[in-house]
Structures are given as structure tokens and as C-alpha cells.
Amino acid sequence: MGNGTLVPHPDFVPVSVRGIDVMLACGGDGRWLVEYRVDGGEDLVIPATGQARRADELWKHTCFELFVRPEDGEGYYEFNFAPSGEWAAYRFTGYRAGMAELPLSVPAIEYWGGEMRAAVDLSGLPDGDWCVGVTAVIEEAGGKRSFWSLAHPAGKPDFHHEAGFAWEVPADARA
């Protein structure tokens, strides 16, 4: 489906991470594969691997995220994937409004040496064209975090802002 490069928010300069490349692929069955490759990251702090489970506030540590907004609407979906195997899925009715847990099959998350892959079933999301945001929160030694996205709005980091939904995915690309 596509490849892209995330850029750090200018107010949160990373210590050793030089870049993050992403790849999105979609199978005809509604399962998406999202891959993140971190360039650098000698000081990357990775949560310990554990049992795959739903968890909140994953963004407080190293976490990779996917946002999907149907083109015809204000509502959107947020998916968080941690190298630990923890994950989260939420539905929003509007910009940071109406947040609710989204029922979701457990995503398959793999992490190895700066690369993370998440396979997630998005077949339950609305049909039509989508605007997608791909983001990452990177924690490095000393608790320093950087915020990465395809595009950032002016001001503080805000992955929910419409500027971050920079990847257009037509419905026929998901078939």
C-alpha cells in the first residue's frame, strides 16, 4: 500500500534515533500489516516483552500508533502497539471527543532490534476512502521522549490533529 518516513516533532529532539520508516500493507481480508523501522536508537528504552494484552496509556513509553479516519466524517480510530506486546484500540466521535474502547481481535505484534511489526484486523471499520496517520512515541535513556509523525501541526505534539492524517488510502487500495 505504501511506504513513508516519520519526522520528529521539532520541540522534542531525539537523542540517538535518526529516523523511522514505515510500511503499510493491506490484505484483501481486512488485515493490515504495519511495520516500523527505527534508524539509530542505541539509547532506546523498550518495555519488557510480556503477554499480549489490552492496556491504556501506552504512549507514556515507546509505542507505535496508527490512526484511521474515514474521509466522510469527523470520527476516527486509534490503534497503539507497544514492543512489549501490549496494545490498545479506541474509537472517537470527533477531535479528542467521545473516546471509547474499540472491540478488536488481539493484534499480532513482533519486535526485534529496532523493528516492530503489527498485524491488525481493520475489517470492522467503515468502507470508503480513509485518511491515515502513522506515529510513534520513542523513549530513550533518561526518560527523554520524542514524538514522530508523517506530519505535525504547529504547537505541541498532537497525533489527533487532522494534520497528522496525512496518508490517503482509497477504498480500492484495501480490496
N, C-alpha and C. Protein backbone atom coordinates (compact mmCIF):
# COMPACT_ATOMS: atom_id res chain seq x y z
N MET A 1 0.82 -1.18 0.00
CA MET A 1 0.00 0.00 0.00
C MET A 1 0.87 1.24 0.00
N GLY A 2 1.95 1.23 0.79
CA GLY A 2 2.80 2.41 0.76
C GLY A 2 3.88 2.40 1.80
N ASN A 3 4.85 3.28 1.56
CA ASN A 3 5.96 3.48 2.48
C ASN A 3 6.03 4.96 2.82
N GLY A 4 6.55 5.27 3.99
CA GLY A 4 6.69 6.65 4.40
C GLY A 4 7.78 6.79 5.44
N THR A 5 8.07 8.03 5.77
CA THR A 5 9.08 8.33 6.78
C THR A 5 8.48 9.27 7.81
N LEU A 6 8.59 8.89 9.06
CA LEU A 6 8.12 9.75 10.15
C LEU A 6 9.20 10.78 10.47
N VAL A 7 8.76 11.96 10.89
CA VAL A 7 9.69 13.02 11.29
C VAL A 7 9.43 13.37 12.75
N PRO A 8 10.50 13.74 13.48
CA PRO A 8 10.30 14.08 14.89
C PRO A 8 9.67 15.47 15.03
N HIS A 9 8.91 15.64 16.11
CA HIS A 9 8.39 16.97 16.42
C HIS A 9 9.60 17.86 16.74
N PRO A 10 9.64 19.08 16.19
CA PRO A 10 10.83 19.92 16.36
C PRO A 10 11.13 20.34 17.81
N ASP A 11 10.16 20.29 18.68
CA ASP A 11 10.38 20.67 20.08
C ASP A 11 10.85 19.51 20.96
N PHE A 12 10.92 18.29 20.38
CA PHE A 12 11.31 17.11 21.15
C PHE A 12 12.35 16.33 20.34
N VAL A 13 13.57 16.85 20.35
CA VAL A 13 14.65 16.28 19.54
C VAL A 13 15.10 14.95 20.14
N PRO A 14 15.18 13.90 19.31
CA PRO A 14 15.62 12.60 19.82
C PRO A 14 17.11 12.62 20.18
N VAL A 15 17.52 11.66 21.02
CA VAL A 15 18.92 11.55 21.42
C VAL A 15 19.71 10.82 20.34
N SER A 16 19.34 9.60 20.04
CA SER A 16 20.11 8.79 19.08
C SER A 16 19.31 8.30 17.89
N VAL A 17 18.00 8.43 17.92
CA VAL A 17 17.17 7.98 16.80
C VAL A 17 17.30 9.00 15.66
N ARG A 18 17.66 8.51 14.47
CA ARG A 18 17.86 9.37 13.31
C ARG A 18 16.64 9.40 12.39
N GLY A 19 15.79 8.38 12.48
CA GLY A 19 14.62 8.35 11.61
C GLY A 19 13.78 7.12 11.87
N ILE A 20 12.55 7.14 11.38
CA ILE A 20 11.66 5.99 11.49
C ILE A 20 10.96 5.84 10.14
N ASP A 21 11.16 4.72 9.50
CA ASP A 21 10.47 4.40 8.25
C ASP A 21 9.28 3.51 8.55
N VAL A 22 8.21 3.68 7.80
CA VAL A 22 7.01 2.87 7.99
C VAL A 22 6.55 2.28 6.66
N MET A 23 5.88 1.16 6.76
CA MET A 23 5.31 0.50 5.60
C MET A 23 3.93 0.02 5.99
N LEU A 24 2.96 0.28 5.12
CA LEU A 24 1.58 -0.18 5.32
C LEU A 24 1.23 -1.14 4.19
N ALA A 25 0.65 -2.26 4.54
CA ALA A 25 0.16 -3.21 3.55
C ALA A 25 -1.18 -3.73 4.03
N CYS A 26 -2.06 -4.02 3.09
CA CYS A 26 -3.38 -4.50 3.42
C CYS A 26 -3.69 -5.75 2.64
N GLY A 27 -4.12 -6.78 3.36
CA GLY A 27 -4.60 -7.97 2.69
C GLY A 27 -6.06 -7.77 2.31
N GLY A 28 -6.55 -8.50 1.37
CA GLY A 28 -7.94 -8.37 0.96
C GLY A 28 -8.94 -8.74 2.03
N ASP A 29 -8.47 -9.37 3.11
CA ASP A 29 -9.36 -9.82 4.18
C ASP A 29 -9.56 -8.78 5.28
N GLY A 30 -9.01 -7.57 5.09
CA GLY A 30 -9.16 -6.53 6.10
C GLY A 30 -8.04 -6.48 7.11
N ARG A 31 -7.10 -7.42 7.05
CA ARG A 31 -5.96 -7.38 7.96
C ARG A 31 -4.90 -6.46 7.39
N TRP A 32 -4.40 -5.60 8.24
CA TRP A 32 -3.34 -4.68 7.86
C TRP A 32 -2.05 -5.10 8.52
N LEU A 33 -0.97 -4.85 7.82
CA LEU A 33 0.36 -5.05 8.36
C LEU A 33 1.03 -3.68 8.40
N VAL A 34 1.47 -3.28 9.58
CA VAL A 34 2.15 -2.00 9.77
C VAL A 34 3.54 -2.32 10.29
N GLU A 35 4.56 -1.85 9.58
CA GLU A 35 5.94 -2.08 10.00
C GLU A 35 6.63 -0.74 10.26
N TYR A 36 7.38 -0.70 11.35
CA TYR A 36 8.15 0.48 11.73
C TYR A 36 9.61 0.06 11.84
N ARG A 37 10.51 0.84 11.24
CA ARG A 37 11.96 0.57 11.34
C ARG A 37 12.63 1.81 11.91
N VAL A 38 13.21 1.64 13.09
CA VAL A 38 13.86 2.75 13.78
C VAL A 38 15.34 2.75 13.39
N ASP A 39 15.80 3.88 12.85
CA ASP A 39 17.20 4.04 12.48
C ASP A 39 17.92 4.71 13.64
N GLY A 40 18.92 4.04 14.17
CA GLY A 40 19.59 4.53 15.37
C GLY A 40 18.93 3.92 16.59
N GLY A 41 18.87 4.65 17.63
CA GLY A 41 18.16 4.16 18.80
C GLY A 41 19.02 3.36 19.75
N GLU A 42 20.31 3.70 19.81
CA GLU A 42 21.19 3.00 20.75
C GLU A 42 20.73 3.17 22.19
N ASP A 43 20.04 4.27 22.47
CA ASP A 43 19.56 4.56 23.82
C ASP A 43 18.06 4.31 23.97
N LEU A 44 17.49 3.56 23.03
CA LEU A 44 16.06 3.28 23.03
C LEU A 44 15.66 2.48 24.27
N VAL A 45 14.59 2.92 24.92
CA VAL A 45 14.05 2.20 26.08
C VAL A 45 12.84 1.41 25.59
N ILE A 46 12.92 0.10 25.72
CA ILE A 46 11.86 -0.79 25.26
C ILE A 46 11.23 -1.48 26.47
N PRO A 47 9.90 -1.40 26.60
CA PRO A 47 9.24 -2.13 27.69
C PRO A 47 9.52 -3.63 27.57
N ALA A 48 9.59 -4.30 28.69
CA ALA A 48 9.83 -5.75 28.68
C ALA A 48 8.72 -6.47 27.94
N THR A 49 9.09 -7.48 27.17
CA THR A 49 8.11 -8.27 26.44
C THR A 49 7.27 -9.06 27.43
N GLY A 50 5.99 -9.08 27.17
CA GLY A 50 5.08 -9.80 28.05
C GLY A 50 3.97 -10.43 27.25
N GLN A 51 2.92 -10.77 27.93
CA GLN A 51 1.77 -11.37 27.28
C GLN A 51 0.99 -10.30 26.53
N ALA A 52 0.53 -10.64 25.33
CA ALA A 52 -0.28 -9.70 24.57
C ALA A 52 -1.55 -9.40 25.37
N ARG A 53 -1.78 -8.11 25.61
CA ARG A 53 -2.97 -7.71 26.36
C ARG A 53 -3.29 -6.26 26.06
N ARG A 54 -4.56 -5.92 26.24
CA ARG A 54 -5.00 -4.53 26.08
C ARG A 54 -4.50 -3.73 27.27
N ALA A 55 -4.02 -2.52 27.01
CA ALA A 55 -3.53 -1.64 28.08
C ALA A 55 -3.71 -0.19 27.65
N ASP A 56 -3.91 0.69 28.61
CA ASP A 56 -4.06 2.12 28.34
C ASP A 56 -2.74 2.84 28.58
N GLU A 57 -2.67 4.06 28.09
CA GLU A 57 -1.55 4.97 28.29
C GLU A 57 -0.21 4.40 27.79
N LEU A 58 -0.25 3.66 26.71
CA LEU A 58 0.98 3.11 26.14
C LEU A 58 1.90 4.21 25.64
N TRP A 59 1.35 5.37 25.28
CA TRP A 59 2.12 6.50 24.77
C TRP A 59 3.11 7.07 25.78
N LYS A 60 3.03 6.67 27.03
CA LYS A 60 3.97 7.17 28.03
C LYS A 60 5.36 6.57 27.88
N HIS A 61 5.47 5.53 27.05
CA HIS A 61 6.75 4.87 26.79
C HIS A 61 6.84 4.61 25.28
N THR A 62 7.83 3.87 24.85
CA THR A 62 7.96 3.57 23.43
C THR A 62 6.70 2.86 22.94
N CYS A 63 6.07 3.46 21.92
CA CYS A 63 4.79 2.97 21.42
C CYS A 63 4.65 3.40 19.97
N PHE A 64 4.08 2.53 19.16
CA PHE A 64 3.85 2.82 17.75
C PHE A 64 2.34 2.87 17.53
N GLU A 65 1.89 3.83 16.70
CA GLU A 65 0.45 4.08 16.61
C GLU A 65 -0.02 4.19 15.16
N LEU A 66 -1.30 3.92 14.99
CA LEU A 66 -1.96 4.05 13.71
C LEU A 66 -3.30 4.73 13.95
N PHE A 67 -3.60 5.76 13.16
CA PHE A 67 -4.87 6.48 13.25
C PHE A 67 -5.58 6.32 11.90
N VAL A 68 -6.87 6.06 11.94
CA VAL A 68 -7.66 5.91 10.71
C VAL A 68 -8.92 6.76 10.84
N ARG A 69 -9.12 7.64 9.85
CA ARG A 69 -10.34 8.46 9.82
C ARG A 69 -11.02 8.26 8.47
N PRO A 70 -12.25 7.75 8.47
CA PRO A 70 -12.99 7.70 7.21
C PRO A 70 -13.10 9.12 6.64
N GLU A 71 -12.92 9.24 5.34
CA GLU A 71 -12.88 10.56 4.71
C GLU A 71 -14.18 11.34 4.92
N ASP A 72 -15.31 10.64 4.98
CA ASP A 72 -16.61 11.29 5.14
C ASP A 72 -17.05 11.28 6.60
N GLY A 73 -16.36 12.01 7.46
CA GLY A 73 -16.79 12.06 8.85
C GLY A 73 -15.75 12.68 9.76
N GLU A 74 -16.18 12.95 10.98
CA GLU A 74 -15.29 13.52 11.98
C GLU A 74 -14.72 12.45 12.90
N GLY A 75 -15.38 11.31 12.99
CA GLY A 75 -14.92 10.25 13.87
C GLY A 75 -13.67 9.57 13.32
N TYR A 76 -12.91 8.96 14.22
CA TYR A 76 -11.69 8.27 13.81
C TYR A 76 -11.35 7.18 14.82
N TYR A 77 -10.32 6.41 14.48
CA TYR A 77 -9.91 5.26 15.28
C TYR A 77 -8.42 5.38 15.58
N GLU A 78 -8.05 4.94 16.78
CA GLU A 78 -6.65 4.97 17.20
C GLU A 78 -6.25 3.56 17.64
N PHE A 79 -5.08 3.13 17.15
CA PHE A 79 -4.53 1.82 17.50
C PHE A 79 -3.11 2.03 18.02
N ASN A 80 -2.82 1.48 19.20
CA ASN A 80 -1.49 1.59 19.81
C ASN A 80 -0.88 0.21 19.91
N PHE A 81 0.41 0.13 19.57
CA PHE A 81 1.14 -1.13 19.62
C PHE A 81 2.46 -0.90 20.35
N ALA A 82 2.68 -1.62 21.44
CA ALA A 82 3.92 -1.49 22.19
C ALA A 82 4.82 -2.70 21.91
N PRO A 83 6.13 -2.49 21.89
CA PRO A 83 7.05 -3.61 21.69
C PRO A 83 6.87 -4.71 22.74
N SER A 84 6.26 -4.38 23.87
CA SER A 84 6.01 -5.36 24.93
C SER A 84 4.95 -6.38 24.53
N GLY A 85 4.17 -6.07 23.49
CA GLY A 85 3.04 -6.91 23.09
C GLY A 85 1.71 -6.33 23.55
N GLU A 86 1.77 -5.28 24.37
CA GLU A 86 0.54 -4.62 24.79
C GLU A 86 -0.02 -3.81 23.63
N TRP A 87 -1.32 -3.57 23.66
CA TRP A 87 -1.98 -2.86 22.57
C TRP A 87 -3.23 -2.17 23.10
N ALA A 88 -3.74 -1.25 22.29
CA ALA A 88 -4.99 -0.56 22.63
C ALA A 88 -5.69 -0.19 21.33
N ALA A 89 -7.01 -0.06 21.40
CA ALA A 89 -7.80 0.38 20.24
C ALA A 89 -8.96 1.22 20.76
N TYR A 90 -9.14 2.40 20.15
CA TYR A 90 -10.16 3.34 20.59
C TYR A 90 -10.93 3.87 19.39
N ARG A 91 -12.15 4.27 19.66
CA ARG A 91 -13.00 4.97 18.68
C ARG A 91 -13.28 6.35 19.24
N PHE A 92 -13.21 7.38 18.39
CA PHE A 92 -13.53 8.75 18.76
C PHE A 92 -14.65 9.25 17.87
N THR A 93 -15.57 10.04 18.42
CA THR A 93 -16.67 10.59 17.62
C THR A 93 -16.26 11.89 16.94
N GLY A 94 -15.22 12.54 17.42
CA GLY A 94 -14.70 13.79 16.88
C GLY A 94 -13.34 14.05 17.48
N TYR A 95 -12.76 15.19 17.19
CA TYR A 95 -11.42 15.52 17.66
C TYR A 95 -11.33 15.39 19.18
N ARG A 96 -10.63 14.36 19.62
CA ARG A 96 -10.43 14.05 21.05
C ARG A 96 -11.75 13.96 21.82
N ALA A 97 -12.83 13.65 21.15
CA ALA A 97 -14.16 13.60 21.79
C ALA A 97 -14.77 12.22 21.65
N GLY A 98 -15.55 11.83 22.66
CA GLY A 98 -16.31 10.59 22.60
C GLY A 98 -15.44 9.34 22.57
N MET A 99 -14.33 9.35 23.26
CA MET A 99 -13.41 8.20 23.26
C MET A 99 -14.06 6.98 23.91
N ALA A 100 -13.96 5.84 23.23
CA ALA A 100 -14.47 4.58 23.77
C ALA A 100 -13.56 3.45 23.27
N GLU A 101 -13.45 2.41 24.09
CA GLU A 101 -12.68 1.24 23.65
C GLU A 101 -13.34 0.65 22.41
N LEU A 102 -12.51 0.25 21.47
CA LEU A 102 -12.98 -0.39 20.25
C LEU A 102 -12.75 -1.89 20.39
N PRO A 103 -13.79 -2.71 20.26
CA PRO A 103 -13.58 -4.16 20.28
C PRO A 103 -12.67 -4.54 19.11
N LEU A 104 -11.70 -5.40 19.39
CA LEU A 104 -10.72 -5.74 18.38
C LEU A 104 -10.09 -7.09 18.71
N SER A 105 -9.88 -7.90 17.69
CA SER A 105 -9.12 -9.13 17.89
C SER A 105 -7.70 -8.75 18.28
N VAL A 106 -7.06 -9.57 19.08
CA VAL A 106 -5.71 -9.28 19.55
C VAL A 106 -4.77 -9.16 18.35
N PRO A 107 -4.11 -7.99 18.17
CA PRO A 107 -3.17 -7.86 17.07
C PRO A 107 -1.92 -8.71 17.32
N ALA A 108 -1.30 -9.16 16.25
CA ALA A 108 -0.03 -9.88 16.35
C ALA A 108 1.08 -8.84 16.30
N ILE A 109 1.84 -8.73 17.38
CA ILE A 109 2.90 -7.72 17.49
C ILE A 109 4.23 -8.44 17.64
N GLU A 110 5.19 -8.06 16.80
CA GLU A 110 6.54 -8.60 16.88
C GLU A 110 7.52 -7.44 16.96
N TYR A 111 8.53 -7.57 17.81
CA TYR A 111 9.57 -6.54 17.92
C TYR A 111 10.92 -7.21 17.97
N TRP A 112 11.85 -6.70 17.18
CA TRP A 112 13.22 -7.20 17.23
C TRP A 112 14.15 -6.08 16.78
N GLY A 113 15.14 -5.79 17.57
CA GLY A 113 16.23 -4.87 17.22
C GLY A 113 15.86 -3.62 16.46
N GLY A 114 14.93 -2.85 16.92
CA GLY A 114 14.58 -1.60 16.26
C GLY A 114 13.50 -1.72 15.22
N GLU A 115 12.97 -2.92 15.01
CA GLU A 115 11.88 -3.10 14.05
C GLU A 115 10.67 -3.67 14.78
N MET A 116 9.51 -3.11 14.44
CA MET A 116 8.27 -3.59 15.03
C MET A 116 7.26 -3.82 13.92
N ARG A 117 6.54 -4.91 14.03
CA ARG A 117 5.51 -5.26 13.06
C ARG A 117 4.23 -5.56 13.82
N ALA A 118 3.13 -4.98 13.34
CA ALA A 118 1.82 -5.26 13.93
C ALA A 118 0.87 -5.66 12.81
N ALA A 119 0.21 -6.79 12.99
CA ALA A 119 -0.84 -7.23 12.09
C ALA A 119 -2.16 -7.04 12.83
N VAL A 120 -3.04 -6.25 12.25
CA VAL A 120 -4.27 -5.87 12.94
C VAL A 120 -5.45 -5.99 11.97
N ASP A 121 -6.57 -6.47 12.48
CA ASP A 121 -7.78 -6.66 11.67
C ASP A 121 -8.61 -5.39 11.71
N LEU A 122 -8.68 -4.70 10.58
CA LEU A 122 -9.46 -3.47 10.48
C LEU A 122 -10.72 -3.66 9.64
N SER A 123 -11.12 -4.91 9.45
CA SER A 123 -12.29 -5.20 8.61
C SER A 123 -13.59 -4.63 9.17
N GLY A 124 -13.63 -4.33 10.45
CA GLY A 124 -14.84 -3.78 11.06
C GLY A 124 -14.99 -2.28 10.91
N LEU A 125 -13.99 -1.61 10.33
CA LEU A 125 -14.06 -0.16 10.13
C LEU A 125 -14.92 0.17 8.92
N PRO A 126 -15.44 1.39 8.85
CA PRO A 126 -16.32 1.77 7.74
C PRO A 126 -15.65 1.65 6.37
N ASP A 127 -16.47 1.38 5.37
CA ASP A 127 -16.00 1.34 3.99
C ASP A 127 -15.69 2.77 3.53
N GLY A 128 -15.18 2.89 2.33
CA GLY A 128 -14.90 4.20 1.75
C GLY A 128 -13.43 4.55 1.88
N ASP A 129 -13.10 5.75 1.41
CA ASP A 129 -11.73 6.24 1.47
C ASP A 129 -11.38 6.63 2.90
N TRP A 130 -10.11 6.45 3.25
CA TRP A 130 -9.62 6.77 4.59
C TRP A 130 -8.47 7.76 4.53
N CYS A 131 -8.32 8.52 5.59
CA CYS A 131 -7.13 9.32 5.85
C CYS A 131 -6.44 8.64 7.04
N VAL A 132 -5.15 8.40 6.91
CA VAL A 132 -4.43 7.62 7.89
C VAL A 132 -3.26 8.42 8.46
N GLY A 133 -3.04 8.28 9.75
CA GLY A 133 -1.88 8.84 10.42
C GLY A 133 -1.06 7.71 11.00
N VAL A 134 0.24 7.78 10.83
CA VAL A 134 1.15 6.78 11.39
C VAL A 134 2.11 7.56 12.29
N THR A 135 2.25 7.12 13.54
CA THR A 135 3.01 7.89 14.53
C THR A 135 3.81 6.95 15.43
N ALA A 136 4.69 7.57 16.22
CA ALA A 136 5.45 6.81 17.21
C ALA A 136 5.87 7.74 18.35
N VAL A 137 5.86 7.20 19.54
CA VAL A 137 6.45 7.86 20.69
C VAL A 137 7.68 7.03 21.03
N ILE A 138 8.82 7.67 21.07
CA ILE A 138 10.07 6.97 21.33
C ILE A 138 10.65 7.45 22.65
N GLU A 139 10.88 6.49 23.56
CA GLU A 139 11.51 6.81 24.84
C GLU A 139 12.97 6.38 24.77
N GLU A 140 13.85 7.29 25.17
CA GLU A 140 15.27 6.98 25.20
C GLU A 140 15.78 7.11 26.63
N ALA A 141 17.03 6.73 26.84
CA ALA A 141 17.63 6.74 28.18
C ALA A 141 17.35 8.06 28.88
N GLY A 142 17.10 7.97 30.17
CA GLY A 142 16.82 9.14 30.97
C GLY A 142 15.38 9.62 30.88
N GLY A 143 14.52 8.83 30.19
CA GLY A 143 13.11 9.18 30.09
C GLY A 143 12.80 10.22 29.02
N LYS A 144 13.78 10.58 28.22
CA LYS A 144 13.55 11.57 27.15
C LYS A 144 12.68 10.95 26.06
N ARG A 145 11.59 11.64 25.72
CA ARG A 145 10.68 11.14 24.68
C ARG A 145 10.71 12.05 23.46
N SER A 146 10.58 11.44 22.30
CA SER A 146 10.39 12.19 21.06
C SER A 146 9.11 11.68 20.42
N PHE A 147 8.49 12.56 19.63
CA PHE A 147 7.18 12.28 19.04
C PHE A 147 7.32 12.36 17.52
N TRP A 148 6.98 11.27 16.84
CA TRP A 148 7.20 11.13 15.42
C TRP A 148 5.88 10.97 14.68
N SER A 149 5.78 11.61 13.51
CA SER A 149 4.56 11.53 12.73
C SER A 149 4.89 11.79 11.26
N LEU A 150 3.95 11.46 10.38
CA LEU A 150 4.11 11.80 8.97
C LEU A 150 4.12 13.32 8.80
N ALA A 151 3.34 14.03 9.63
CA ALA A 151 3.27 15.49 9.62
C ALA A 151 2.82 15.96 11.00
N HIS A 152 3.29 17.13 11.41
CA HIS A 152 2.93 17.69 12.71
C HIS A 152 2.22 19.02 12.53
N PRO A 153 1.19 19.30 13.35
CA PRO A 153 0.60 20.64 13.34
C PRO A 153 1.54 21.59 14.10
N ALA A 154 1.31 22.88 13.96
CA ALA A 154 2.06 23.85 14.75
C ALA A 154 1.72 23.66 16.23
N GLY A 155 2.66 23.99 17.09
CA GLY A 155 2.42 23.87 18.53
C GLY A 155 2.90 22.54 19.08
N LYS A 156 2.31 22.14 20.18
CA LYS A 156 2.73 20.92 20.86
C LYS A 156 2.39 19.67 20.04
N PRO A 157 3.05 18.54 20.32
CA PRO A 157 2.71 17.30 19.60
C PRO A 157 1.24 16.94 19.80
N ASP A 158 0.58 16.59 18.71
CA ASP A 158 -0.84 16.24 18.78
C ASP A 158 -1.16 15.27 17.64
N PHE A 159 -1.08 13.99 17.93
CA PHE A 159 -1.32 12.97 16.91
C PHE A 159 -2.79 12.92 16.49
N HIS A 160 -3.68 13.51 17.27
CA HIS A 160 -5.11 13.50 16.95
C HIS A 160 -5.48 14.62 15.98
N HIS A 161 -4.61 15.58 15.79
CA HIS A 161 -4.87 16.73 14.91
C HIS A 161 -4.97 16.26 13.46
N GLU A 162 -5.85 16.90 12.71
CA GLU A 162 -6.08 16.49 11.31
C GLU A 162 -4.82 16.55 10.46
N ALA A 163 -3.84 17.38 10.80
CA ALA A 163 -2.60 17.47 10.02
C ALA A 163 -1.87 16.13 9.98
N GLY A 164 -2.02 15.32 11.03
CA GLY A 164 -1.34 14.04 11.10
C GLY A 164 -1.94 12.95 10.22
N PHE A 165 -3.19 13.14 9.80
CA PHE A 165 -3.86 12.15 8.94
C PHE A 165 -3.42 12.41 7.49
N ALA A 166 -2.14 12.23 7.24
CA ALA A 166 -1.51 12.68 6.00
C ALA A 166 -1.49 11.65 4.88
N TRP A 167 -1.85 10.41 5.17
CA TRP A 167 -1.78 9.35 4.17
C TRP A 167 -3.19 9.05 3.68
N GLU A 168 -3.45 9.25 2.41
CA GLU A 168 -4.77 8.95 1.86
C GLU A 168 -4.79 7.51 1.35
N VAL A 169 -5.78 6.76 1.80
CA VAL A 169 -5.91 5.35 1.42
C VAL A 169 -7.28 5.16 0.78
N PRO A 170 -7.32 5.09 -0.55
CA PRO A 170 -8.60 4.87 -1.22
C PRO A 170 -9.16 3.49 -0.91
N ALA A 171 -10.48 3.38 -0.93
CA ALA A 171 -11.13 2.11 -0.64
C ALA A 171 -10.64 1.00 -1.54
N ASP A 172 -10.40 1.29 -2.80
CA ASP A 172 -9.98 0.22 -3.73
C ASP A 172 -8.57 -0.28 -3.44
N ALA A 173 -7.76 0.48 -2.69
CA ALA A 173 -6.41 0.03 -2.32
C ALA A 173 -6.47 -1.02 -1.21
N ARG A 174 -7.62 -1.12 -0.52
CA ARG A 174 -7.77 -2.08 0.57
C ARG A 174 -8.44 -3.36 0.12
N ALA A 175 -8.85 -3.41 -1.14
CA ALA A 175 -9.58 -4.60 -1.65
C ALA A 175 -8.64 -5.74 -1.93
